[in-house]
Amino acid sequence: MYLGILVLFTNLINSYIDNHESIELWMKFKVDYNRSYETTREEEIRKEIFMDNLRKMLSHNLKQSAGLYSFKFGINQFSDMTFEEFLKINTEPGSRDKSLEQNFNAIVIHDLTSDPSNYTSFDWRDHGAVTSIKNQGYKCGSCYAFASIAAIESHIFLKTGKLLDLSEQEIVDCAQGYFTAGCYGGYEIGALNYIQNNGDITFEESYPYKGIQEKCLRSVNGTDLSKIKITIKQISQPPRENEEELKNALVKYGPIIISIDHLHESFMRYSSGVYHESDCKKQFSHAALLVGYGSENGKDYWLVKNSFGTTWGENGYFRIARNRKNNCEIATEPVIISSED
């Protein structure tokens, strides 16, 4: 019975791919993501990849409708890329060198007293403490810069009530020597140490994001770019691999930087719902900002601000399973900052 239904679904998907609606989706994708290709052959290859990804999306979403998954796939900026290309972009040399961890001067917090029973759900966006979704681009491994800057922006708001837009490009260009490697990845604690040592960070308007690493530019012709002074008092971590303590810390301290294993086709294609990947490993390939938690249809989730733009995921956010054995290691490497403007 199941095999017959699967064959029927496969035939329906292939029929859909072969008709004009899939071509319209391809044309819309090129417009939405500003894609142009150097040769006709390259465009043909990208179109074939897009159609294969479309088949996988439709197949997964049919299974999701049948209750086999808690999240959907969708078309996004990675839809003309193979999973191998996605992996290459996200696993560039030097991106997450574990040997550097011993050099981090992080203070471990053991006594968190906030009572999570006060909140069945929580979202720092409801308190105005989260800046808008940004896009690191699909050719620059700068998630560490975006997660770090997002955390700084949120904590400035918690101190001052002002929501500021700060420069990720400064981190990409200038933070070498702090365990970062421009577009080849890095550690968010290294980016925070860079800001901590300088005592300031440039505004996005003065130092806009380019999506490539360029020469460090903190001044032009001897004139300093517009900056905000920042004192990071403490970089710390709650008890690791403890989701209850992470929930507690989120309410008590504000948005928290998290690192996860995102090197999976399911994350590449994620569109909506509560993400869960049973094959996640204890590796940290992507940094983002934890801003809330809640439950949907009996499924607990974390709410995370990503840096893939608003067309990826749920308007730029993703929800990931909570209380399911620390899925994708979300509670293993959280980073809390305490800052003053």
C-alpha atoms as a PDB file:
ATOM      1  CA  MET A   1       0.000   0.000   0.000  1.00  0.00           C
ATOM      2  CA  TYR A   2       2.683   2.465   1.062  1.00  0.00           C
ATOM      3  CA  LEU A   3       4.835   1.581  -1.958  1.00  0.00           C
ATOM      4  CA  GLY A   4       1.874   2.245  -4.271  1.00  0.00           C
ATOM      5  CA  ILE A   5       1.278   5.658  -2.717  1.00  0.00           C
ATOM      6  CA  LEU A   6       4.989   6.470  -2.995  1.00  0.00           C
ATOM      7  CA  VAL A   7       4.987   5.576  -6.693  1.00  0.00           C
ATOM      8  CA  LEU A   8       1.879   7.748  -7.200  1.00  0.00           C
ATOM      9  CA  PHE A   9       3.529  10.686  -5.419  1.00  0.00           C
ATOM     10  CA  THR A  10       6.706  10.247  -7.477  1.00  0.00           C
ATOM     11  CA  ASN A  11       4.706  10.239 -10.716  1.00  0.00           C
ATOM     12  CA  LEU A  12       2.803  13.358  -9.655  1.00  0.00           C
ATOM     13  CA  ILE A  13       6.048  15.160  -8.804  1.00  0.00           C
ATOM     14  CA  ASN A  14       7.673  14.213 -12.102  1.00  0.00           C
ATOM     15  CA  SER A  15       4.570  15.360 -13.941  1.00  0.00           C
ATOM     16  CA  TYR A  16       4.711  18.699 -12.128  1.00  0.00           C
ATOM     17  CA  ILE A  17       8.409  19.153 -12.914  1.00  0.00           C
ATOM     18  CA  ASP A  18       7.743  18.498 -16.589  1.00  0.00           C
ATOM     19  CA  ASN A  19       4.993  21.111 -16.951  1.00  0.00           C
ATOM     20  CA  HIS A  20       5.157  24.864 -17.451  1.00  0.00           C
ATOM     21  CA  GLU A  21       4.595  25.739 -13.753  1.00  0.00           C
ATOM     22  CA  SER A  22       8.063  24.522 -12.837  1.00  0.00           C
ATOM     23  CA  ILE A  23       9.549  26.689 -15.616  1.00  0.00           C
ATOM     24  CA  GLU A  24       7.703  29.671 -14.189  1.00  0.00           C
ATOM     25  CA  LEU A  25       9.210  28.895 -10.777  1.00  0.00           C
ATOM     26  CA  TRP A  26      12.670  28.771 -12.365  1.00  0.00           C
ATOM     27  CA  MET A  27      12.146  32.141 -14.061  1.00  0.00           C
ATOM     28  CA  LYS A  28      10.829  33.645 -10.825  1.00  0.00           C
ATOM     29  CA  PHE A  29      13.801  32.257  -8.895  1.00  0.00           C
ATOM     30  CA  LYS A  30      16.251  33.970 -11.262  1.00  0.00           C
ATOM     31  CA  VAL A  31      14.466  37.296 -10.825  1.00  0.00           C
ATOM     32  CA  ASP A  32      13.993  37.008  -7.055  1.00  0.00           C
ATOM     33  CA  TYR A  33      17.642  36.122  -6.434  1.00  0.00           C
ATOM     34  CA  ASN A  34      19.157  38.232  -9.206  1.00  0.00           C
ATOM     35  CA  ARG A  35      20.747  35.257 -10.924  1.00  0.00           C
ATOM     36  CA  SER A  36      22.549  35.607 -14.227  1.00  0.00           C
ATOM     37  CA  TYR A  37      24.907  33.028 -15.661  1.00  0.00           C
ATOM     38  CA  GLU A  38      27.991  33.525 -17.808  1.00  0.00           C
ATOM     39  CA  THR A  39      27.125  30.942 -20.440  1.00  0.00           C
ATOM     40  CA  THR A  40      24.069  29.136 -21.775  1.00  0.00           C
ATOM     41  CA  ARG A  41      25.597  25.841 -20.682  1.00  0.00           C
ATOM     42  CA  GLU A  42      26.035  27.086 -17.116  1.00  0.00           C
ATOM     43  CA  GLU A  43      22.411  28.192 -17.035  1.00  0.00           C
ATOM     44  CA  GLU A  44      21.297  24.775 -18.284  1.00  0.00           C
ATOM     45  CA  ILE A  45      23.285  23.091 -15.513  1.00  0.00           C
ATOM     46  CA  ARG A  46      21.830  25.421 -12.875  1.00  0.00           C
ATOM     47  CA  LYS A  47      18.346  24.833 -14.187  1.00  0.00           C
ATOM     48  CA  GLU A  48      18.821  21.058 -13.930  1.00  0.00           C
ATOM     49  CA  ILE A  49      20.047  21.448 -10.348  1.00  0.00           C
ATOM     50  CA  PHE A  50      17.077  23.699  -9.538  1.00  0.00           C
ATOM     51  CA  MET A  51      14.624  21.133 -10.924  1.00  0.00           C
ATOM     52  CA  ASP A  52      16.265  18.343  -8.920  1.00  0.00           C
ATOM     53  CA  ASN A  53      16.021  20.466  -5.774  1.00  0.00           C
ATOM     54  CA  LEU A  54      12.388  21.183  -6.633  1.00  0.00           C
ATOM     55  CA  ARG A  55      11.681  17.454  -6.792  1.00  0.00           C
ATOM     56  CA  LYS A  56      13.251  16.972  -3.374  1.00  0.00           C
ATOM     57  CA  MET A  57      11.260  19.894  -1.986  1.00  0.00           C
ATOM     58  CA  LEU A  58       7.947  18.534  -3.274  1.00  0.00           C
ATOM     59  CA  SER A  59       8.705  15.005  -2.086  1.00  0.00           C
ATOM     60  CA  HIS A  60       9.642  16.194   1.425  1.00  0.00           C
ATOM     61  CA  ASN A  61       6.609  18.477   1.691  1.00  0.00           C
ATOM     62  CA  LEU A  62       4.243  15.647   0.704  1.00  0.00           C
ATOM     63  CA  LYS A  63       5.744  13.585   3.526  1.00  0.00           C
ATOM     64  CA  GLN A  64       5.442  16.581   5.865  1.00  0.00           C
ATOM     65  CA  SER A  65       1.754  16.858   4.987  1.00  0.00           C
ATOM     66  CA  ALA A  66       1.403  13.188   5.919  1.00  0.00           C
ATOM     67  CA  GLY A  67       2.885  13.918   9.349  1.00  0.00           C
ATOM     68  CA  LEU A  68       6.327  12.413   8.801  1.00  0.00           C
ATOM     69  CA  TYR A  69       8.163  15.721   9.329  1.00  0.00           C
ATOM     70  CA  SER A  70       7.545  18.825  11.432  1.00  0.00           C
ATOM     71  CA  PHE A  71       9.044  21.279   8.923  1.00  0.00           C
ATOM     72  CA  LYS A  72       8.825  22.141   5.241  1.00  0.00           C
ATOM     73  CA  PHE A  73      11.307  22.739   2.448  1.00  0.00           C
ATOM     74  CA  GLY A  74      11.136  25.767   0.167  1.00  0.00           C
ATOM     75  CA  ILE A  75      12.849  27.653  -2.636  1.00  0.00           C
ATOM     76  CA  ASN A  76      15.641  29.917  -1.422  1.00  0.00           C
ATOM     77  CA  GLN A  77      19.026  31.322  -2.461  1.00  0.00           C
ATOM     78  CA  PHE A  78      20.560  27.832  -2.407  1.00  0.00           C
ATOM     79  CA  SER A  79      18.052  26.297  -4.829  1.00  0.00           C
ATOM     80  CA  ASP A  80      20.379  26.362  -7.847  1.00  0.00           C
ATOM     81  CA  MET A  81      23.212  24.806  -5.857  1.00  0.00           C
ATOM     82  CA  THR A  82      24.041  21.193  -5.123  1.00  0.00           C
ATOM     83  CA  PHE A  83      24.385  20.118  -1.511  1.00  0.00           C
ATOM     84  CA  GLU A  84      28.108  19.579  -2.166  1.00  0.00           C
ATOM     85  CA  GLU A  85      28.412  23.254  -3.119  1.00  0.00           C
ATOM     86  CA  PHE A  86      26.518  24.264   0.022  1.00  0.00           C
ATOM     87  CA  LEU A  87      28.945  22.166   2.056  1.00  0.00           C
ATOM     88  CA  LYS A  88      31.963  23.767   0.376  1.00  0.00           C
ATOM     89  CA  ILE A  89      30.725  27.277   1.145  1.00  0.00           C
ATOM     90  CA  ASN A  90      30.111  26.363   4.769  1.00  0.00           C
ATOM     91  CA  THR A  91      33.216  24.293   5.473  1.00  0.00           C
ATOM     92  CA  GLU A  92      36.006  26.469   4.143  1.00  0.00           C
ATOM     93  CA  PRO A  93      39.466  25.885   5.695  1.00  0.00           C
ATOM     94  CA  GLY A  94      39.928  27.535   9.089  1.00  0.00           C
ATOM     95  CA  SER A  95      36.243  28.135   9.681  1.00  0.00           C
ATOM     96  CA  ARG A  96      35.902  26.395  13.066  1.00  0.00           C
ATOM     97  CA  ASP A  97      39.319  25.276  14.293  1.00  0.00           C
ATOM     98  CA  LYS A  98      38.642  23.570  17.625  1.00  0.00           C
ATOM     99  CA  SER A  99      42.299  23.920  18.654  1.00  0.00           C
ATOM    100  CA  LEU A 100      41.750  27.648  19.185  1.00  0.00           C
ATOM    101  CA  GLU A 101      39.156  27.186  21.919  1.00  0.00           C
ATOM    102  CA  GLN A 102      41.702  26.934  24.705  1.00  0.00           C
ATOM    103  CA  ASN A 103      42.699  30.550  24.081  1.00  0.00           C
ATOM    104  CA  PHE A 104      39.237  31.959  24.800  1.00  0.00           C
ATOM    105  CA  ASN A 105      38.913  33.802  28.087  1.00  0.00           C
ATOM    106  CA  ALA A 106      35.289  32.821  28.778  1.00  0.00           C
ATOM    107  CA  ILE A 107      33.780  32.833  32.271  1.00  0.00           C
ATOM    108  CA  VAL A 108      31.481  29.907  33.007  1.00  0.00           C
ATOM    109  CA  ILE A 109      28.273  30.777  34.876  1.00  0.00           C
ATOM    110  CA  HIS A 110      27.045  28.022  37.182  1.00  0.00           C
ATOM    111  CA  ASP A 111      24.286  29.737  39.157  1.00  0.00           C
ATOM    112  CA  LEU A 112      21.379  30.949  37.057  1.00  0.00           C
ATOM    113  CA  THR A 113      18.380  31.840  39.211  1.00  0.00           C
ATOM    114  CA  SER A 114      15.725  33.033  36.730  1.00  0.00           C
ATOM    115  CA  ASP A 115      12.568  30.924  36.969  1.00  0.00           C
ATOM    116  CA  PRO A 116      11.574  29.615  33.513  1.00  0.00           C
ATOM    117  CA  SER A 117       8.162  28.592  34.877  1.00  0.00           C
ATOM    118  CA  ASN A 118       7.160  32.249  34.598  1.00  0.00           C
ATOM    119  CA  TYR A 119       7.080  31.896  30.808  1.00  0.00           C
ATOM    120  CA  THR A 120       5.672  29.109  28.658  1.00  0.00           C
ATOM    121  CA  SER A 121       7.025  31.058  25.674  1.00  0.00           C
ATOM    122  CA  PHE A 122       9.304  34.043  25.240  1.00  0.00           C
ATOM    123  CA  ASP A 123      10.360  36.200  22.310  1.00  0.00           C
ATOM    124  CA  TRP A 124      12.801  39.107  22.598  1.00  0.00           C
ATOM    125  CA  ARG A 125      11.270  40.573  19.427  1.00  0.00           C
ATOM    126  CA  ASP A 126       8.154  41.349  21.450  1.00  0.00           C
ATOM    127  CA  HIS A 127      10.335  43.578  23.629  1.00  0.00           C
ATOM    128  CA  GLY A 128      11.892  45.413  20.650  1.00  0.00           C
ATOM    129  CA  ALA A 129      15.336  43.982  21.338  1.00  0.00           C
ATOM    130  CA  VAL A 130      16.102  42.367  17.970  1.00  0.00           C
ATOM    131  CA  THR A 131      17.337  44.163  14.856  1.00  0.00           C
ATOM    132  CA  SER A 132      16.128  43.337  11.347  1.00  0.00           C
ATOM    133  CA  ILE A 133      17.208  40.236   9.447  1.00  0.00           C
ATOM    134  CA  LYS A 134      20.427  40.633   7.439  1.00  0.00           C
ATOM    135  CA  ASN A 135      22.018  38.558   4.694  1.00  0.00           C
ATOM    136  CA  GLN A 136      25.619  37.367   4.804  1.00  0.00           C
ATOM    137  CA  GLY A 137      25.401  36.267   1.163  1.00  0.00           C
ATOM    138  CA  TYR A 138      25.912  32.776  -0.145  1.00  0.00           C
ATOM    139  CA  LYS A 139      29.619  33.182  -0.927  1.00  0.00           C
ATOM    140  CA  CYS A 140      30.930  34.481   2.418  1.00  0.00           C
ATOM    141  CA  GLY A 141      31.226  32.400   5.584  1.00  0.00           C
ATOM    142  CA  SER A 142      30.680  35.333   7.937  1.00  0.00           C
ATOM    143  CA  CYS A 143      27.953  33.944  10.209  1.00  0.00           C
ATOM    144  CA  TYR A 144      30.219  34.526  13.231  1.00  0.00           C
ATOM    145  CA  ALA A 145      30.305  38.252  12.440  1.00  0.00           C
ATOM    146  CA  PHE A 146      26.536  38.492  11.986  1.00  0.00           C
ATOM    147  CA  ALA A 147      25.763  36.553  15.156  1.00  0.00           C
ATOM    148  CA  SER A 148      28.202  38.660  17.196  1.00  0.00           C
ATOM    149  CA  ILE A 149      26.966  41.986  15.835  1.00  0.00           C
ATOM    150  CA  ALA A 150      23.320  40.921  16.305  1.00  0.00           C
ATOM    151  CA  ALA A 151      24.059  40.150  19.967  1.00  0.00           C
ATOM    152  CA  ILE A 152      25.793  43.515  20.458  1.00  0.00           C
ATOM    153  CA  GLU A 153      22.859  45.330  18.802  1.00  0.00           C
ATOM    154  CA  SER A 154      20.365  43.591  21.093  1.00  0.00           C
ATOM    155  CA  HIS A 155      22.344  44.305  24.250  1.00  0.00           C
ATOM    156  CA  ILE A 156      22.783  47.971  23.356  1.00  0.00           C
ATOM    157  CA  PHE A 157      18.993  48.134  23.106  1.00  0.00           C
ATOM    158  CA  LEU A 158      18.591  46.501  26.514  1.00  0.00           C
ATOM    159  CA  LYS A 159      20.913  49.145  28.000  1.00  0.00           C
ATOM    160  CA  THR A 160      19.741  52.238  26.105  1.00  0.00           C
ATOM    161  CA  GLY A 161      16.427  51.531  24.372  1.00  0.00           C
ATOM    162  CA  LYS A 162      18.101  52.345  21.041  1.00  0.00           C
ATOM    163  CA  LEU A 163      18.139  49.803  18.220  1.00  0.00           C
ATOM    164  CA  LEU A 164      21.285  50.462  16.179  1.00  0.00           C
ATOM    165  CA  ASP A 165      22.584  48.966  12.927  1.00  0.00           C
ATOM    166  CA  LEU A 166      26.256  48.055  13.292  1.00  0.00           C
ATOM    167  CA  SER A 167      28.917  46.874  10.855  1.00  0.00           C
ATOM    168  CA  GLU A 168      29.570  43.196  10.190  1.00  0.00           C
ATOM    169  CA  GLN A 169      31.989  44.194   7.432  1.00  0.00           C
ATOM    170  CA  GLU A 170      34.377  45.669   9.999  1.00  0.00           C
ATOM    171  CA  ILE A 171      34.573  42.262  11.678  1.00  0.00           C
ATOM    172  CA  VAL A 172      35.142  40.505   8.341  1.00  0.00           C
ATOM    173  CA  ASP A 173      37.878  42.951   7.294  1.00  0.00           C
ATOM    174  CA  CYS A 174      39.578  43.825  10.559  1.00  0.00           C
ATOM    175  CA  ALA A 175      39.281  41.036  13.134  1.00  0.00           C
ATOM    176  CA  GLN A 176      42.082  38.774  11.880  1.00  0.00           C
ATOM    177  CA  GLY A 177      44.271  37.853  14.827  1.00  0.00           C
ATOM    178  CA  TYR A 178      41.138  37.236  16.903  1.00  0.00           C
ATOM    179  CA  PHE A 179      40.494  33.698  15.651  1.00  0.00           C
ATOM    180  CA  THR A 180      38.571  34.872  12.604  1.00  0.00           C
ATOM    181  CA  ALA A 181      39.361  34.501   8.912  1.00  0.00           C
ATOM    182  CA  GLY A 182      37.175  36.965   7.029  1.00  0.00           C
ATOM    183  CA  CYS A 183      34.833  35.137   4.663  1.00  0.00           C
ATOM    184  CA  TYR A 184      36.466  31.838   5.620  1.00  0.00           C
ATOM    185  CA  GLY A 185      34.723  31.713   8.983  1.00  0.00           C
ATOM    186  CA  GLY A 186      35.741  32.263  12.553  1.00  0.00           C
ATOM    187  CA  TYR A 187      34.730  32.247  16.184  1.00  0.00           C
ATOM    188  CA  GLU A 188      32.143  34.654  17.487  1.00  0.00           C
ATOM    189  CA  ILE A 189      34.074  34.966  20.762  1.00  0.00           C
ATOM    190  CA  GLY A 190      37.029  36.152  18.673  1.00  0.00           C
ATOM    191  CA  ALA A 191      34.835  38.813  17.051  1.00  0.00           C
ATOM    192  CA  LEU A 192      33.620  39.885  20.502  1.00  0.00           C
ATOM    193  CA  ASN A 193      37.207  40.035  21.789  1.00  0.00           C
ATOM    194  CA  TYR A 194      38.050  42.319  18.845  1.00  0.00           C
ATOM    195  CA  ILE A 195      35.227  44.703  19.819  1.00  0.00           C
ATOM    196  CA  GLN A 196      36.166  44.398  23.490  1.00  0.00           C
ATOM    197  CA  ASN A 197      39.792  45.365  22.823  1.00  0.00           C
ATOM    198  CA  ASN A 198      38.916  48.279  20.518  1.00  0.00           C
ATOM    199  CA  GLY A 199      36.123  49.560  22.732  1.00  0.00           C
ATOM    200  CA  ASP A 200      33.946  50.466  19.755  1.00  0.00           C
ATOM    201  CA  ILE A 201      32.363  49.282  16.508  1.00  0.00           C
ATOM    202  CA  THR A 202      31.497  51.141  13.313  1.00  0.00           C
ATOM    203  CA  PHE A 203      27.943  51.803  12.147  1.00  0.00           C
ATOM    204  CA  GLU A 204      26.650  49.834   9.155  1.00  0.00           C
ATOM    205  CA  GLU A 205      25.976  53.074   7.276  1.00  0.00           C
ATOM    206  CA  SER A 206      29.643  54.076   7.552  1.00  0.00           C
ATOM    207  CA  TYR A 207      31.052  50.612   6.822  1.00  0.00           C
ATOM    208  CA  PRO A 208      28.433  48.679   4.793  1.00  0.00           C
ATOM    209  CA  TYR A 209      28.525  44.949   4.177  1.00  0.00           C
ATOM    210  CA  LYS A 210      30.082  43.785   0.885  1.00  0.00           C
ATOM    211  CA  GLY A 211      30.026  39.990   1.228  1.00  0.00           C
ATOM    212  CA  ILE A 212      33.756  39.776   0.443  1.00  0.00           C
ATOM    213  CA  GLN A 213      36.820  40.446   2.561  1.00  0.00           C
ATOM    214  CA  GLU A 214      38.575  43.749   1.810  1.00  0.00           C
ATOM    215  CA  LYS A 215      41.260  45.915   3.385  1.00  0.00           C
ATOM    216  CA  CYS A 216      40.464  46.972   6.959  1.00  0.00           C
ATOM    217  CA  LEU A 217      38.929  50.447   6.838  1.00  0.00           C
ATOM    218  CA  ARG A 218      38.337  52.124  10.195  1.00  0.00           C
ATOM    219  CA  SER A 219      39.143  55.545   8.800  1.00  0.00           C
ATOM    220  CA  VAL A 220      39.147  57.352   5.448  1.00  0.00           C
ATOM    221  CA  ASN A 221      41.995  59.775   4.658  1.00  0.00           C
ATOM    222  CA  GLY A 222      42.820  59.980   8.344  1.00  0.00           C
ATOM    223  CA  THR A 223      39.218  60.646   9.405  1.00  0.00           C
ATOM    224  CA  ASP A 224      37.660  58.016  11.655  1.00  0.00           C
ATOM    225  CA  LEU A 225      34.451  56.373  10.490  1.00  0.00           C
ATOM    226  CA  SER A 226      31.377  56.926  12.637  1.00  0.00           C
ATOM    227  CA  LYS A 227      31.475  54.516  15.593  1.00  0.00           C
ATOM    228  CA  ILE A 228      29.715  53.761  18.852  1.00  0.00           C
ATOM    229  CA  LYS A 229      31.760  53.164  21.991  1.00  0.00           C
ATOM    230  CA  ILE A 230      31.073  49.799  23.583  1.00  0.00           C
ATOM    231  CA  THR A 231      32.321  48.211  26.787  1.00  0.00           C
ATOM    232  CA  ILE A 232      31.867  44.460  26.872  1.00  0.00           C
ATOM    233  CA  LYS A 233      32.038  43.660  30.564  1.00  0.00           C
ATOM    234  CA  GLN A 234      31.904  39.900  30.325  1.00  0.00           C
ATOM    235  CA  ILE A 235      31.825  37.055  27.802  1.00  0.00           C
ATOM    236  CA  SER A 236      30.386  33.972  29.452  1.00  0.00           C
ATOM    237  CA  GLN A 237      28.642  30.643  28.971  1.00  0.00           C
ATOM    238  CA  PRO A 238      25.813  28.931  30.859  1.00  0.00           C
ATOM    239  CA  PRO A 239      26.270  25.255  31.771  1.00  0.00           C
ATOM    240  CA  ARG A 240      26.782  23.414  28.492  1.00  0.00           C
ATOM    241  CA  GLU A 241      24.372  20.911  26.959  1.00  0.00           C
ATOM    242  CA  ASN A 242      21.621  21.981  29.359  1.00  0.00           C
ATOM    243  CA  GLU A 243      18.550  23.261  27.527  1.00  0.00           C
ATOM    244  CA  GLU A 244      16.726  24.226  30.719  1.00  0.00           C
ATOM    245  CA  GLU A 245      19.616  26.447  31.792  1.00  0.00           C
ATOM    246  CA  LEU A 246      19.829  27.912  28.283  1.00  0.00           C
ATOM    247  CA  LYS A 247      16.128  28.786  28.469  1.00  0.00           C
ATOM    248  CA  ASN A 248      16.728  30.354  31.871  1.00  0.00           C
ATOM    249  CA  ALA A 249      19.715  32.377  30.627  1.00  0.00           C
ATOM    250  CA  LEU A 250      17.835  33.650  27.576  1.00  0.00           C
ATOM    251  CA  VAL A 251      15.171  35.312  29.735  1.00  0.00           C
ATOM    252  CA  LYS A 252      17.658  36.574  32.312  1.00  0.00           C
ATOM    253  CA  TYR A 253      20.419  37.949  30.079  1.00  0.00           C
ATOM    254  CA  GLY A 254      18.874  38.658  26.679  1.00  0.00           C
ATOM    255  CA  PRO A 255      19.553  37.186  23.199  1.00  0.00           C
ATOM    256  CA  ILE A 256      22.337  34.594  23.173  1.00  0.00           C
ATOM    257  CA  ILE A 257      24.783  33.560  20.446  1.00  0.00           C
ATOM    258  CA  ILE A 258      24.484  29.868  19.609  1.00  0.00           C
ATOM    259  CA  SER A 259      26.407  27.508  17.346  1.00  0.00           C
ATOM    260  CA  ILE A 260      24.911  24.475  15.609  1.00  0.00           C
ATOM    261  CA  ASP A 261      25.692  21.731  13.147  1.00  0.00           C
ATOM    262  CA  HIS A 262      23.888  22.958  10.008  1.00  0.00           C
ATOM    263  CA  LEU A 263      25.711  20.888   7.376  1.00  0.00           C
ATOM    264  CA  HIS A 264      22.622  19.030   6.216  1.00  0.00           C
ATOM    265  CA  GLU A 265      20.416  19.171   3.144  1.00  0.00           C
ATOM    266  CA  SER A 266      17.445  19.648   5.455  1.00  0.00           C
ATOM    267  CA  PHE A 267      18.869  22.946   6.743  1.00  0.00           C
ATOM    268  CA  MET A 268      19.849  24.092   3.274  1.00  0.00           C
ATOM    269  CA  ARG A 269      16.234  23.607   2.128  1.00  0.00           C
ATOM    270  CA  TYR A 270      14.400  24.620   5.337  1.00  0.00           C
ATOM    271  CA  SER A 271      11.372  26.843   4.820  1.00  0.00           C
ATOM    272  CA  SER A 272       9.087  26.666   7.856  1.00  0.00           C
ATOM    273  CA  GLY A 273       8.056  24.627  10.880  1.00  0.00           C
ATOM    274  CA  VAL A 274      10.008  23.125  13.756  1.00  0.00           C
ATOM    275  CA  TYR A 275      13.327  21.920  12.369  1.00  0.00           C
ATOM    276  CA  HIS A 276      14.729  18.602  13.580  1.00  0.00           C
ATOM    277  CA  GLU A 277      17.673  16.729  12.100  1.00  0.00           C
ATOM    278  CA  SER A 278      18.328  13.274  13.532  1.00  0.00           C
ATOM    279  CA  ASP A 279      21.769  13.112  11.893  1.00  0.00           C
ATOM    280  CA  CYS A 280      23.256  16.186  13.585  1.00  0.00           C
ATOM    281  CA  LYS A 281      26.726  15.697  15.008  1.00  0.00           C
ATOM    282  CA  LYS A 282      28.802  17.370  17.684  1.00  0.00           C
ATOM    283  CA  GLN A 283      30.324  19.916  15.358  1.00  0.00           C
ATOM    284  CA  PHE A 284      29.766  23.643  15.067  1.00  0.00           C
ATOM    285  CA  SER A 285      29.498  24.970  11.543  1.00  0.00           C
ATOM    286  CA  HIS A 286      27.092  27.894  11.913  1.00  0.00           C
ATOM    287  CA  ALA A 287      26.512  30.723  14.400  1.00  0.00           C
ATOM    288  CA  ALA A 288      23.221  32.559  14.889  1.00  0.00           C
ATOM    289  CA  LEU A 289      21.267  34.453  17.579  1.00  0.00           C
ATOM    290  CA  LEU A 290      18.836  32.743  19.939  1.00  0.00           C
ATOM    291  CA  VAL A 291      15.937  35.131  20.637  1.00  0.00           C
ATOM    292  CA  GLY A 292      13.075  33.034  22.003  1.00  0.00           C
ATOM    293  CA  TYR A 293      11.337  29.742  22.612  1.00  0.00           C
ATOM    294  CA  GLY A 294       7.845  28.269  22.584  1.00  0.00           C
ATOM    295  CA  SER A 295       5.733  25.254  21.626  1.00  0.00           C
ATOM    296  CA  GLU A 296       3.598  24.382  18.613  1.00  0.00           C
ATOM    297  CA  ASN A 297       1.235  21.403  18.477  1.00  0.00           C
ATOM    298  CA  GLY A 298       3.042  19.844  21.401  1.00  0.00           C
ATOM    299  CA  LYS A 299       6.495  20.352  19.877  1.00  0.00           C
ATOM    300  CA  ASP A 300       8.875  22.546  21.876  1.00  0.00           C
ATOM    301  CA  TYR A 301      11.139  24.810  19.845  1.00  0.00           C
ATOM    302  CA  TRP A 302      13.844  27.435  20.018  1.00  0.00           C
ATOM    303  CA  LEU A 303      13.438  30.607  17.930  1.00  0.00           C
ATOM    304  CA  VAL A 304      16.647  31.662  16.170  1.00  0.00           C
ATOM    305  CA  LYS A 305      17.557  34.723  14.106  1.00  0.00           C
ATOM    306  CA  ASN A 306      19.604  33.665  11.079  1.00  0.00           C
ATOM    307  CA  SER A 307      21.722  35.640   8.579  1.00  0.00           C
ATOM    308  CA  PHE A 308      20.484  34.194   5.272  1.00  0.00           C
ATOM    309  CA  GLY A 309      18.100  37.067   4.441  1.00  0.00           C
ATOM    310  CA  THR A 310      14.309  37.277   4.766  1.00  0.00           C
ATOM    311  CA  THR A 311      13.552  34.874   1.903  1.00  0.00           C
ATOM    312  CA  TRP A 312      15.121  31.934   3.755  1.00  0.00           C
ATOM    313  CA  GLY A 313      13.183  30.121   6.466  1.00  0.00           C
ATOM    314  CA  GLU A 314      10.422  31.923   8.339  1.00  0.00           C
ATOM    315  CA  ASN A 315      11.150  35.470   7.175  1.00  0.00           C
ATOM    316  CA  GLY A 316      14.793  34.922   8.058  1.00  0.00           C
ATOM    317  CA  TYR A 317      14.222  33.005  11.309  1.00  0.00           C
ATOM    318  CA  PHE A 318      14.123  29.304  12.026  1.00  0.00           C
ATOM    319  CA  ARG A 319      12.576  27.266  14.777  1.00  0.00           C
ATOM    320  CA  ILE A 320      14.552  24.261  15.915  1.00  0.00           C
ATOM    321  CA  ALA A 321      13.469  21.400  18.175  1.00  0.00           C
ATOM    322  CA  ARG A 322      13.847  22.067  21.910  1.00  0.00           C
ATOM    323  CA  ASN A 323      14.054  19.378  24.579  1.00  0.00           C
ATOM    324  CA  ARG A 324      14.922  16.732  21.993  1.00  0.00           C
ATOM    325  CA  LYS A 325      18.361  15.693  23.204  1.00  0.00           C
ATOM    326  CA  ASN A 326      20.030  19.028  22.415  1.00  0.00           C
ATOM    327  CA  ASN A 327      19.259  18.730  18.700  1.00  0.00           C
ATOM    328  CA  CYS A 328      22.102  19.939  16.458  1.00  0.00           C
ATOM    329  CA  GLU A 329      24.068  20.841  19.623  1.00  0.00           C
ATOM    330  CA  ILE A 330      22.189  24.125  20.125  1.00  0.00           C
ATOM    331  CA  ALA A 331      22.875  24.174  23.881  1.00  0.00           C
ATOM    332  CA  THR A 332      26.528  23.068  23.669  1.00  0.00           C
ATOM    333  CA  GLU A 333      28.335  26.327  22.768  1.00  0.00           C
ATOM    334  CA  PRO A 334      26.099  29.283  23.765  1.00  0.00           C
ATOM    335  CA  VAL A 335      27.788  32.642  24.362  1.00  0.00           C
ATOM    336  CA  ILE A 336      26.344  35.363  26.623  1.00  0.00           C
ATOM    337  CA  ILE A 337      27.622  38.933  26.623  1.00  0.00           C
ATOM    338  CA  SER A 338      27.142  41.689  29.153  1.00  0.00           C
ATOM    339  CA  SER A 339      27.748  45.112  27.606  1.00  0.00           C
ATOM    340  CA  GLU A 340      27.488  48.822  28.233  1.00  0.00           C
ATOM    341  CA  ASP A 341      27.186  51.533  25.577  1.00  0.00           C
END
